[in-house]
Amino acid sequence: MNADLHCHSTVSDGWLDPEAVVRRAAANGVELLALTDHDEIGGLEQASRVAAELGVRFVDGVEISTSFCGETIHIVGLGFDRTHPVLIAGLRQVRSGRDARALRISAALEMVGIHDALAGARQFARNPALVSRAHFARHLVAAGIMPDVRTVFDHYLVRGKPGFVEHEWASIEEATGWICAAGGIAVIAHPARYRLSSANLALLFDRFIAAGGEGVEVVSGAHSEDEMRRFATIARQRGLLASRASDFHGEQESPVDLGCCNPLPSDLTPVWSRLC
């Protein structure tokens, strides 16, 4: 199964609109696709319609921002009822904090001589309700301040750098609860990206599973081969469903294209066994 269960469109911080994401996935041979925009489900109707036209099986998805031990942890929801009021209200709550965060990022960048960064970031945000760090990074690249988005993050937008601001997102329990209430499956996204001690990583999985979480992205565009093996072991040990995902944002930023991830280890139970 060529499944890709984590990618983004212009509804959050992707470069392609939902229709173009689906068309690119279909061209790459993706058989099962989930669009998982950050804290937003506004692209699902368009994406699902185009997927049906192209014969691609489509799963409703979202990537919810949560806070845990000083890190932003992303929880992917798959296969939920996109009209469910609990999920809709929860996502609205998370999005409501984004404007204030964007203002604080802009003010922090102003302090180091980068002026009008918010106006610049908004030029890259097709959804005005969802200005993200990626949009700030794209502005800094376009302005010639840094050569690429990864370098912007490393120099300005991660913890300890001048453009980083603290923000409290939803809790692990809230995000997982919203997904489960809407009949979906909650999955921890790209776990190797989080700067957590072994003890805190174990605590993250403990809390996630206790809240009803069922899956983990073993294969991710952000994972090395060693990291894939590490989280395959955790999936086995904890009885978690395994997901496969590119986390595709656009060809200019993503190391892995839609549908081009490594396959899952054959002994793991794929999350799509519960979705198809």
Protein backbone atom coordinates (compact mmCIF):
# COMPACT_ATOMS: atom_id res chain seq x y z
CA MET A 1 0.00 0.00 0.00
CA ASN A 2 1.47 3.34 -1.05
CA ALA A 3 -0.07 5.32 1.78
CA ASP A 4 0.87 8.88 2.68
CA LEU A 5 -0.95 9.97 5.81
CA HIS A 6 0.57 13.36 6.61
CA CYS A 7 0.93 16.31 4.22
CA HIS A 8 0.01 19.99 3.98
CA SER A 9 -1.69 22.43 1.65
CA THR A 10 -2.05 26.21 1.45
CA VAL A 11 -4.84 25.90 4.02
CA SER A 12 -1.95 25.80 6.53
CA ASP A 13 1.73 26.04 5.55
CA GLY A 14 2.00 23.99 2.37
CA TRP A 15 2.90 25.47 -1.02
CA LEU A 16 0.17 23.73 -3.06
CA ASP A 17 -3.59 24.11 -2.76
CA PRO A 18 -5.58 21.00 -1.71
CA GLU A 19 -6.44 20.02 -5.28
CA ALA A 20 -2.82 20.28 -6.40
CA VAL A 21 -1.66 18.19 -3.42
CA VAL A 22 -4.03 15.39 -4.40
CA ARG A 23 -3.07 15.57 -8.08
CA ARG A 24 0.64 15.37 -7.20
CA ALA A 25 -0.02 12.43 -4.89
CA ALA A 26 -1.96 10.61 -7.61
CA ALA A 27 0.82 11.24 -10.12
CA ASN A 28 3.29 9.73 -7.63
CA GLY A 29 1.23 6.56 -7.27
CA VAL A 30 -0.26 7.27 -3.84
CA GLU A 31 -3.16 4.89 -3.20
CA LEU A 32 -4.28 6.22 0.20
CA LEU A 33 -3.87 9.89 1.14
CA ALA A 34 -4.61 12.03 4.17
CA LEU A 35 -4.39 15.82 4.05
CA THR A 36 -3.35 16.94 7.55
CA ASP A 37 -3.16 20.73 7.69
CA HIS A 38 -2.15 22.36 10.96
CA ASP A 39 -5.14 22.89 13.26
CA GLU A 40 -7.40 23.32 10.23
CA ILE A 41 -9.75 21.11 8.21
CA GLY A 42 -10.86 23.67 5.62
CA GLY A 43 -9.15 21.86 2.73
CA LEU A 44 -10.70 18.44 3.26
CA GLU A 45 -13.83 18.87 1.17
CA GLN A 46 -11.92 20.00 -1.93
CA ALA A 47 -9.21 17.37 -1.46
CA SER A 48 -11.68 14.52 -0.98
CA ARG A 49 -13.66 15.53 -4.06
CA VAL A 50 -10.57 15.57 -6.30
CA ALA A 51 -9.33 12.31 -4.80
CA ALA A 52 -12.63 10.63 -5.70
CA GLU A 53 -12.31 11.91 -9.28
CA LEU A 54 -8.78 10.50 -9.55
CA GLY A 55 -9.47 7.17 -7.83
CA VAL A 56 -7.29 7.90 -4.80
CA ARG A 57 -8.66 6.69 -1.49
CA PHE A 58 -8.84 9.67 0.83
CA VAL A 59 -8.83 9.94 4.63
CA ASP A 60 -9.81 13.10 6.48
CA GLY A 61 -6.86 14.33 8.53
CA VAL A 62 -5.54 17.16 10.69
CA GLU A 63 -2.33 17.90 12.60
CA ILE A 64 -3.01 19.43 16.02
CA SER A 65 -0.45 21.50 17.92
CA THR A 66 0.04 20.52 21.56
CA SER A 67 2.44 21.50 24.34
CA PHE A 68 4.41 19.00 26.40
CA CYS A 69 7.56 19.48 28.50
CA GLY A 70 8.42 22.73 26.76
CA GLU A 71 8.11 21.22 23.27
CA THR A 72 5.44 21.60 20.61
CA ILE A 73 4.22 18.07 19.90
CA HIS A 74 2.05 17.39 16.86
CA ILE A 75 -0.81 14.90 17.03
CA VAL A 76 -2.25 13.76 13.71
CA GLY A 77 -5.91 12.81 13.58
CA LEU A 78 -7.09 10.38 10.88
CA GLY A 79 -10.46 9.12 9.74
CA PHE A 80 -12.65 11.35 11.90
CA ASP A 81 -16.03 12.96 11.30
CA ARG A 82 -15.07 16.41 10.02
CA THR A 83 -18.44 17.83 11.11
CA HIS A 84 -18.11 16.76 14.74
CA PRO A 85 -18.69 19.78 17.03
CA VAL A 86 -16.12 18.75 19.65
CA LEU A 87 -13.31 18.58 17.08
CA ILE A 88 -14.42 21.78 15.34
CA ALA A 89 -14.51 23.70 18.63
CA GLY A 90 -11.15 22.35 19.72
CA LEU A 91 -9.44 23.33 16.49
CA ARG A 92 -10.99 26.79 16.68
CA GLN A 93 -9.57 27.13 20.18
CA VAL A 94 -6.05 26.21 19.00
CA ARG A 95 -6.20 28.58 16.02
CA SER A 96 -7.33 31.46 18.21
CA GLY A 97 -3.86 31.72 19.72
CA ARG A 98 -2.01 31.94 16.42
CA ASP A 99 -2.58 35.66 15.76
CA ALA A 100 -1.12 36.61 19.14
CA ARG A 101 1.87 34.33 18.57
CA ALA A 102 2.52 35.83 15.13
CA LEU A 103 2.54 39.33 16.62
CA ARG A 104 5.04 38.25 19.28
CA ILE A 105 7.31 36.58 16.71
CA SER A 106 7.26 39.75 14.63
CA ALA A 107 8.10 41.88 17.68
CA ALA A 108 10.96 39.56 18.60
CA LEU A 109 12.41 39.76 15.09
CA GLU A 110 12.04 43.55 15.16
CA MET A 111 14.35 43.59 18.18
CA VAL A 112 17.16 42.11 16.06
CA GLY A 113 16.65 44.45 13.13
CA ILE A 114 14.20 42.48 10.97
CA HIS A 115 11.41 44.95 10.31
CA ASP A 116 7.78 44.35 9.26
CA ALA A 117 8.22 40.57 9.43
CA LEU A 118 4.53 39.94 10.05
CA ALA A 119 3.51 41.80 6.91
CA GLY A 120 6.08 39.77 5.00
CA ALA A 121 4.88 36.48 6.49
CA ARG A 122 1.29 37.28 5.58
CA GLN A 123 2.31 37.50 1.93
CA PHE A 124 3.05 33.78 2.07
CA ALA A 125 -0.03 32.74 4.09
CA ARG A 126 -2.97 31.90 1.86
CA ASN A 127 -5.07 31.33 4.99
CA PRO A 128 -4.99 34.61 6.97
CA ALA A 129 -6.12 32.79 10.10
CA LEU A 130 -3.04 30.59 10.09
CA VAL A 131 0.25 32.49 9.96
CA SER A 132 2.97 30.06 11.03
CA ARG A 133 6.70 30.05 11.62
CA ALA A 134 7.11 28.59 8.14
CA HIS A 135 5.58 31.73 6.66
CA PHE A 136 8.02 33.91 8.59
CA ALA A 137 10.85 31.69 7.39
CA ARG A 138 9.78 32.00 3.75
CA HIS A 139 9.67 35.77 4.10
CA LEU A 140 13.21 35.87 5.49
CA VAL A 141 14.43 33.73 2.60
CA ALA A 142 12.64 35.92 0.04
CA ALA A 143 14.15 39.02 1.68
CA GLY A 144 17.64 37.57 1.24
CA ILE A 145 18.32 37.38 4.97
CA MET A 146 18.88 33.61 4.95
CA PRO A 147 19.45 31.11 2.12
CA ASP A 148 16.73 28.59 2.96
CA VAL A 149 13.92 27.82 5.38
CA ARG A 150 15.90 25.30 7.46
CA THR A 151 18.62 27.88 8.07
CA VAL A 152 16.03 30.47 9.15
CA PHE A 153 14.68 28.06 11.74
CA ASP A 154 18.15 27.21 12.99
CA HIS A 155 19.16 30.88 13.37
CA TYR A 156 15.91 32.58 14.36
CA LEU A 157 12.86 30.43 15.09
CA VAL A 158 13.80 27.57 17.42
CA ARG A 159 14.17 27.68 21.19
CA GLY A 160 17.05 29.91 22.28
CA LYS A 161 17.05 31.95 19.07
CA PRO A 162 15.86 35.58 18.78
CA GLY A 163 12.59 34.93 16.94
CA PHE A 164 11.39 32.10 19.18
CA VAL A 165 8.44 32.83 21.46
CA GLU A 166 6.83 30.58 24.04
CA HIS A 167 3.28 29.53 23.30
CA GLU A 168 0.91 27.20 25.10
CA TRP A 169 -1.02 25.00 22.71
CA ALA A 170 -3.59 22.31 23.58
CA SER A 171 -2.63 19.50 25.94
CA ILE A 172 -1.91 15.99 24.71
CA GLU A 173 -5.13 14.86 26.38
CA GLU A 174 -7.24 17.60 24.79
CA ALA A 175 -6.05 17.02 21.23
CA THR A 176 -6.27 13.23 21.48
CA GLY A 177 -9.70 13.54 23.08
CA TRP A 178 -11.04 15.73 20.27
CA ILE A 179 -9.88 13.23 17.65
CA CYS A 180 -11.33 10.26 19.52
CA ALA A 181 -14.63 12.08 20.15
CA ALA A 182 -14.96 12.55 16.39
CA GLY A 183 -14.36 8.83 15.79
CA GLY A 184 -10.79 9.21 14.53
CA ILE A 185 -7.42 7.63 15.25
CA ALA A 186 -4.79 9.77 17.00
CA VAL A 187 -1.15 9.38 15.87
CA ILE A 188 2.02 10.98 17.23
CA ALA A 189 3.63 12.79 14.30
CA HIS A 190 7.39 12.58 13.47
CA PRO A 191 8.46 11.68 17.05
CA ALA A 192 12.19 11.88 16.29
CA ARG A 193 11.92 15.64 15.84
CA TYR A 194 11.14 16.33 19.49
CA ARG A 195 13.97 17.27 21.82
CA LEU A 196 12.89 15.07 24.71
CA SER A 197 14.89 12.98 27.14
CA SER A 198 14.24 9.24 27.10
CA ALA A 199 12.21 9.63 30.29
CA ASN A 200 10.06 12.42 28.86
CA LEU A 201 9.57 10.57 25.58
CA ALA A 202 8.30 7.58 27.56
CA LEU A 203 6.01 9.90 29.51
CA LEU A 204 4.69 11.38 26.25
CA PHE A 205 3.71 7.93 25.02
CA ASP A 206 2.23 7.03 28.41
CA ARG A 207 -0.02 10.08 28.43
CA PHE A 208 -0.92 9.75 24.76
CA ILE A 209 -1.97 6.11 25.11
CA ALA A 210 -3.87 6.81 28.35
CA ALA A 211 -5.83 9.52 26.51
CA GLY A 212 -6.83 7.08 23.75
CA GLY A 213 -3.97 7.57 21.28
CA GLU A 214 -3.31 4.56 19.06
CA GLY A 215 -0.59 5.25 16.53
CA VAL A 216 2.87 6.62 15.81
CA GLU A 217 4.56 7.76 12.61
CA VAL A 218 7.30 5.18 12.26
CA VAL A 219 8.15 6.25 8.72
CA SER A 220 8.33 10.01 8.21
CA GLY A 221 10.04 12.37 5.84
CA ALA A 222 11.76 13.73 8.96
CA HIS A 223 13.15 10.33 10.07
CA SER A 224 16.49 8.75 9.32
CA GLU A 225 16.80 4.98 8.90
CA ASP A 226 18.01 4.66 12.50
CA GLU A 227 15.10 6.73 13.77
CA MET A 228 12.66 4.64 11.78
CA ARG A 229 14.05 1.50 13.41
CA ARG A 230 13.88 3.11 16.86
CA PHE A 231 10.20 4.01 16.57
CA ALA A 232 9.34 0.70 14.95
CA THR A 233 10.65 -0.88 18.16
CA ILE A 234 8.52 1.47 20.27
CA ALA A 235 5.44 0.63 18.16
CA ARG A 236 6.06 -3.08 18.77
CA GLN A 237 6.68 -2.65 22.49
CA ARG A 238 3.61 -0.49 23.06
CA GLY A 239 1.23 -2.17 20.63
CA LEU A 240 0.78 0.96 18.53
CA LEU A 241 -0.44 1.20 14.98
CA ALA A 242 2.29 2.34 12.59
CA SER A 243 1.86 5.21 10.15
CA ARG A 244 3.78 6.18 7.01
CA ALA A 245 4.00 9.84 6.03
CA SER A 246 6.03 12.27 3.95
CA ASP A 247 5.02 15.42 5.86
CA PHE A 248 5.15 17.04 2.42
CA HIS A 249 4.91 20.85 2.30
CA GLY A 250 6.36 21.57 -1.14
CA GLU A 251 9.16 20.35 -3.35
CA GLN A 252 11.33 23.34 -2.41
CA GLU A 253 11.20 22.50 1.30
CA SER A 254 10.47 18.82 1.80
CA PRO A 255 13.17 16.13 1.63
CA VAL A 256 10.61 13.46 0.68
CA ASP A 257 7.92 13.82 -1.98
CA LEU A 258 4.37 12.58 -1.63
CA GLY A 259 4.25 8.78 -1.60
CA CYS A 260 8.04 8.39 -1.70
CA CYS A 261 8.76 7.36 1.91
CA ASN A 262 10.34 4.10 2.93
CA PRO A 263 7.90 1.20 3.38
CA LEU A 264 6.79 0.22 6.84
CA PRO A 265 8.52 -2.79 8.43
CA SER A 266 6.37 -5.77 7.47
CA ASP A 267 5.72 -6.98 11.02
CA LEU A 268 4.05 -3.75 12.16
CA THR A 269 0.28 -3.23 12.06
CA PRO A 270 -0.33 -0.31 9.68
CA VAL A 271 -2.76 2.37 10.77
CA TRP A 272 -4.61 1.97 7.47
CA SER A 273 -5.75 -1.48 8.55
CA ARG A 274 -8.25 0.48 10.66
CA LEU A 275 -9.00 3.08 7.97
CA CYS A 276 -9.73 0.99 4.86
